[in-house]
Protein backbone atom coordinates (compact mmCIF):
# COMPACT_ATOMS: atom_id res chain seq x y z
CA MET A 1 15.37 18.41 -1.70
CA LEU A 2 11.56 18.90 -3.03
CA ARG A 3 10.64 20.23 0.37
CA ASP A 4 13.02 23.25 -0.06
CA TYR A 5 11.70 24.52 -3.31
CA TYR A 6 8.90 22.34 -4.41
CA PRO A 7 6.59 21.47 -1.41
CA ALA A 8 3.47 20.47 -3.43
CA ALA A 9 5.35 17.85 -5.44
CA ALA A 10 6.98 16.61 -2.01
CA THR A 11 3.35 15.85 -0.48
CA ALA A 12 1.43 15.07 -3.91
CA TRP A 13 2.10 11.49 -3.66
CA ALA A 14 3.12 10.93 0.02
CA HIS A 15 -0.35 9.21 0.89
CA LEU A 16 0.18 6.66 -1.72
CA PRO A 17 2.12 3.36 -2.02
CA GLY A 18 5.51 4.16 -3.48
CA GLY A 19 5.39 7.81 -3.15
CA LEU A 20 7.87 9.29 -5.33
CA THR A 21 8.68 6.13 -6.88
CA ARG A 22 5.47 5.94 -8.52
CA PRO A 23 5.54 6.04 -12.46
CA GLU A 24 3.04 8.82 -12.63
CA ALA A 25 4.97 10.99 -9.81
CA ARG A 26 8.23 10.35 -11.73
CA LEU A 27 6.86 11.40 -15.15
CA ILE A 28 5.00 14.38 -14.00
CA LEU A 29 8.35 15.55 -11.99
CA THR A 30 10.07 14.86 -15.24
CA ALA A 31 7.72 17.13 -17.38
CA ALA A 32 7.83 20.10 -14.64
CA PRO A 33 10.64 19.84 -12.18
CA THR A 34 9.64 23.20 -10.74
CA PRO A 35 6.61 24.86 -9.24
CA THR A 36 6.32 27.31 -11.88
CA GLN A 37 6.39 24.76 -14.62
CA ALA A 38 3.76 22.79 -12.67
CA THR A 39 1.53 25.72 -12.60
CA ARG A 40 1.58 25.59 -16.46
CA LEU A 41 0.34 22.06 -16.81
CA THR A 42 -3.22 21.78 -17.73
CA ARG A 43 -5.72 19.47 -16.58
CA ARG A 44 -5.53 17.88 -20.06
CA ARG A 45 -1.85 17.80 -20.17
CA LEU A 46 -2.11 16.08 -16.51
CA GLU A 47 -4.37 13.69 -17.96
CA THR A 48 -2.19 12.75 -20.78
CA LEU A 49 0.67 12.50 -18.61
CA LEU A 50 -1.00 10.07 -16.17
CA SER A 51 -2.20 7.84 -18.89
CA SER A 52 1.38 7.55 -20.15
CA ALA A 53 2.56 6.50 -17.05
CA GLY A 54 -0.15 3.32 -16.95
CA ARG A 55 -2.33 4.80 -15.04
CA THR A 56 -6.10 3.58 -15.87
CA ARG A 57 -8.36 4.31 -13.14
CA LEU A 58 -9.94 8.00 -11.88
CA ILE A 59 -7.44 9.75 -14.40
CA THR A 60 -9.77 13.03 -14.63
CA ALA A 61 -10.34 13.25 -10.80
CA GLU A 62 -6.29 12.96 -10.07
CA ALA A 63 -5.58 15.36 -12.94
CA THR A 64 -7.75 17.72 -11.06
CA ARG A 65 -6.39 17.05 -7.68
CA LEU A 66 -2.70 17.55 -8.84
CA HIS A 67 -3.87 20.57 -10.73
CA GLU A 68 -5.29 22.26 -7.62
CA LEU A 69 -2.37 21.50 -5.52
CA PHE A 70 0.25 22.89 -8.04
CA HIS A 71 -1.73 26.18 -7.88
CA VAL A 72 -1.99 26.37 -3.81
CA ARG A 73 -0.08 29.88 -3.20
CA ALA A 74 3.29 28.99 -1.40
CA LEU A 75 6.74 30.59 -0.87
CA ARG A 76 8.95 30.12 -3.62
CA GLN A 77 12.80 30.21 -4.22
CA PRO A 78 14.13 33.29 -6.27
CA ALA A 79 13.60 32.03 -9.97
CA GLU A 80 17.22 31.51 -10.81
CA VAL A 81 17.62 29.07 -7.44
CA GLU A 82 14.37 27.44 -8.31
CA ASP A 83 15.47 26.88 -11.84
CA ALA A 84 18.98 25.31 -10.68
CA MET A 85 17.33 23.14 -8.09
CA GLY A 86 14.64 22.00 -10.55
CA ARG A 87 17.78 20.95 -12.96
CA HIS A 88 19.43 19.19 -10.05
CA ALA A 89 15.97 17.35 -9.33
CA ALA A 90 15.79 16.24 -13.16
CA ALA A 91 19.38 14.74 -12.65
CA LEU A 92 18.13 12.93 -9.82
CA LEU A 93 15.04 11.68 -11.19
CA THR A 94 17.09 10.39 -14.15
CA GLN A 95 19.38 8.16 -11.56
CA LEU A 96 15.91 6.94 -9.60
CA ASP A 97 14.42 5.89 -12.96
CA ALA A 98 17.87 3.94 -13.80
CA THR A 99 17.95 2.29 -10.28
CA ILE A 100 14.16 1.23 -10.35
CA ALA A 101 14.69 -0.15 -13.85
CA SER A 102 17.85 -2.11 -12.69
CA ALA A 103 15.86 -3.25 -9.52
CA HIS A 104 12.73 -4.74 -11.87
CA THR A 105 15.27 -6.35 -14.07
CA LEU A 106 17.07 -7.92 -11.05
CA TRP A 107 13.53 -9.16 -9.67
CA THR A 108 12.72 -10.60 -12.66
CA HIS A 109 15.58 -12.76 -13.10
CA ILE A 110 15.63 -13.69 -9.24
CA ASP A 111 11.78 -14.79 -9.57
CA ALA A 112 12.99 -16.78 -12.72
CA MET A 113 15.63 -18.67 -11.29
CA ALA A 114 13.86 -19.49 -7.81
CA GLU A 115 10.74 -20.71 -9.93
CA GLN A 116 13.31 -23.63 -10.90
CA HIS A 117 14.16 -24.82 -7.63
CA PRO A 118 12.03 -27.70 -6.16
CA GLN A 119 11.89 -26.17 -2.74
CA THR A 120 9.88 -22.98 -4.06
CA PRO A 121 6.40 -24.23 -4.16
CA ILE A 122 6.74 -25.14 -0.40
CA TYR A 123 7.97 -21.46 0.51
CA ARG A 124 5.38 -20.00 -1.66
CA SER A 125 2.63 -22.05 -0.02
CA PHE A 126 3.22 -20.24 3.13
CA PRO A 127 0.87 -17.18 3.62
CA GLY A 128 2.15 -13.57 2.98
CA MET A 129 5.38 -15.48 1.09
CA GLY A 130 6.03 -13.62 -1.96
CA PRO A 131 8.56 -14.42 -4.88
CA LEU A 132 11.32 -12.02 -3.49
CA LEU A 133 10.76 -13.09 0.30
CA ALA A 134 10.60 -17.06 -0.80
CA ALA A 135 14.05 -16.15 -2.57
CA ARG A 136 15.73 -14.39 -0.02
CA LEU A 137 14.61 -17.12 2.45
CA LEU A 138 15.74 -20.02 -0.04
CA ALA A 139 19.29 -18.08 -0.78
CA GLU A 140 20.11 -17.75 3.22
CA LEU A 141 19.03 -21.08 4.35
CA GLY A 142 20.03 -22.88 1.80
CA ASP A 143 18.35 -26.34 -0.01
CA ASP A 144 19.75 -28.79 2.51
CA PRO A 145 16.52 -29.92 4.54
CA HIS A 146 18.70 -31.48 7.29
CA ARG A 147 21.18 -28.10 7.77
CA PHE A 148 19.21 -27.62 10.86
CA PRO A 149 18.29 -30.70 13.07
CA THR A 150 15.35 -29.23 15.09
CA PRO A 151 13.17 -26.06 14.86
CA ARG A 152 15.07 -24.37 17.45
CA ASN A 153 18.59 -24.44 15.36
CA LEU A 154 16.71 -22.89 12.61
CA ARG A 155 14.99 -19.99 14.80
CA ALA A 156 18.35 -19.52 16.41
CA PHE A 157 19.84 -19.10 12.96
CA CYS A 158 17.18 -16.54 11.93
CA ALA A 159 17.67 -14.61 15.20
CA ALA A 160 13.84 -15.55 16.08
CA THR A 161 14.64 -16.80 19.44
CA PRO A 162 15.67 -14.29 22.54
CA ILE A 163 18.89 -14.49 24.28
CA THR A 164 18.61 -15.88 28.06
CA TRP A 165 21.32 -14.22 30.69
CA ALA A 166 21.85 -15.89 33.77
CA SER A 167 24.05 -15.08 36.45
CA GLY A 168 23.20 -16.24 39.99
CA THR A 169 20.08 -14.59 41.03
CA SER A 170 20.16 -12.43 37.96
CA HIS A 171 17.88 -13.72 35.08
CA LYS A 172 17.41 -11.37 31.95
CA VAL A 173 15.77 -12.59 28.35
CA SER A 174 16.52 -9.91 25.60
CA HIS A 175 15.94 -9.60 21.61
CA ARG A 176 18.99 -11.46 19.77
CA ARG A 177 20.51 -8.42 18.01
CA LYS A 178 23.35 -9.64 16.35
CA ALA A 179 22.02 -11.80 13.76
CA ASN A 180 22.12 -12.20 9.92
CA PRO A 181 20.27 -8.70 8.82
CA ILE A 182 18.80 -10.10 5.49
CA LEU A 183 17.05 -12.86 7.67
CA ALA A 184 15.81 -10.45 10.13
CA GLU A 185 14.48 -8.06 7.81
CA THR A 186 12.82 -10.80 5.73
CA GLY A 187 11.29 -12.46 8.91
CA HIS A 188 9.84 -8.99 10.10
CA LEU A 189 8.32 -8.30 6.53
CA TRP A 190 6.99 -12.16 6.23
CA ALA A 191 5.48 -12.18 9.54
CA PHE A 192 3.66 -8.75 9.17
CA ALA A 193 2.35 -9.66 5.70
CA THR A 194 0.48 -12.90 7.32
CA LEU A 195 -1.22 -11.01 9.80
CA THR A 196 -3.91 -10.37 6.72
CA ARG A 197 -3.52 -13.51 5.34
CA SER A 198 -3.57 -16.38 8.26
CA PRO A 199 -6.37 -16.12 10.80
CA GLY A 200 -3.75 -18.38 12.83
CA ALA A 201 -0.94 -15.98 12.60
CA ARG A 202 -3.26 -13.17 13.63
CA ALA A 203 -4.69 -14.66 16.55
CA LEU A 204 -1.24 -15.45 17.86
CA TYR A 205 0.17 -12.03 17.26
CA ASP A 206 -3.22 -10.60 18.87
CA ARG A 207 -2.43 -12.92 21.81
CA ARG A 208 1.09 -11.70 21.98
CA ARG A 209 0.23 -8.02 22.20
CA ALA A 210 -2.32 -8.89 24.82
CA ALA A 211 0.05 -10.43 27.01
CA GLY A 212 2.44 -7.33 27.04
CA ASP A 213 4.64 -7.82 23.87
CA HIS A 214 5.44 -4.50 21.83
CA HIS A 215 4.96 -4.86 17.98
CA PRO A 216 8.31 -5.83 16.92
CA ALA A 217 8.55 -8.50 19.91
CA ALA A 218 4.92 -9.95 18.62
CA LEU A 219 6.35 -10.07 15.19
CA ARG A 220 9.27 -12.12 16.39
CA ARG A 221 7.20 -14.65 17.92
CA LEU A 222 5.18 -15.02 15.24
CA TYR A 223 8.37 -15.46 12.83
CA ALA A 224 9.56 -17.81 15.05
CA ARG A 225 6.38 -20.33 14.81
CA LEU A 226 6.29 -19.84 11.00
CA LEU A 227 9.80 -21.03 11.14
CA GLY A 228 8.88 -24.05 13.18
CA SER A 229 6.01 -24.80 10.38
CA LEU A 230 8.74 -23.93 7.47
CA HIS A 231 11.23 -26.77 9.22
CA TYR A 232 8.55 -29.25 9.29
CA CYS A 233 7.44 -28.53 5.57
CA LEU A 234 11.04 -29.04 4.34
CA ARG A 235 11.94 -31.86 6.21
CA THR A 236 8.64 -33.78 4.97
CA GLY A 237 8.57 -31.97 1.55
CA SER A 238 4.78 -31.05 2.02
CA ALA A 239 3.12 -27.82 1.64
CA TYR A 240 1.76 -25.47 4.51
CA ASP A 241 -1.21 -26.19 6.32
CA GLU A 242 -3.20 -23.57 8.25
CA ASP A 243 -4.72 -26.03 10.37
CA ARG A 244 -1.88 -27.97 11.24
CA ALA A 245 0.37 -24.79 11.91
CA PHE A 246 -2.01 -23.31 14.32
CA THR A 247 -4.32 -25.37 15.78
CA ALA A 248 -3.00 -29.11 15.82
CA SER A 249 -0.47 -29.70 18.65
CA PRO A 250 0.90 -26.03 19.33
CA GLU A 251 4.63 -25.92 20.29
CA PRO A 252 5.69 -24.53 23.41
CA GLU A 253 6.33 -20.83 23.06
CA PRO A 254 9.77 -19.25 23.95
CA GLU A 255 10.25 -17.50 27.22
CA THR A 256 8.71 -13.59 27.15
CA GLU A 257 11.29 -10.99 26.03
CA HIS A 258 11.92 -7.98 28.53
CA GLY A 259 12.77 -4.55 27.45
CA THR A 260 11.80 -4.97 23.71
């Protein structure tokens, strides 16, 4: 919607984590929901809004950047249309604020509940495993350490192993697409997060990319390896160990996926 009448606001925070969901973005858009109102914001007013939103660093530089951006000449909608779209945007911002507040409340509750579970320290000991990912995995896998007899059973349940199709001389290995969507998404996020937190995970990912795997396939291979370590830790009640996970007795890797 902003691209249709307020392009400066659509791009002002696009390069920053969170984008329009950032507190300063929502507060400034609430104060100036139209480009005409944005041009009336002084640098001092922008600094005040940034401070009110919780920003503590580079306030003057950020206020100057936004002030210059809001004063760049651009095509405008007719005044009446711009005002109507601004009111619509303000209503949407109210809904966005409520959604973010509800999500934060839910996240806090989930984190508090998960911390009470005895298996949470095991999950959190893994690299890249934040409180939300740990709670998701714990909720989907359950807390029975003997639910999955082997690591292969756990990988299959989490869609981390490919499917092999064989008929006569035909043989095809493909990605398992029908799976629990929460586990599939969690695995992708978890494996991606380990790339900057675990040297062993990064080395495995790089080897798979060098062997011809695309990015999603390499992450699934890494996810499968992490699940093997998680299975062992849950069965033995031990915390994650980087050396044992990636250097001691590496497990055989599954077959190469084709067409991913």
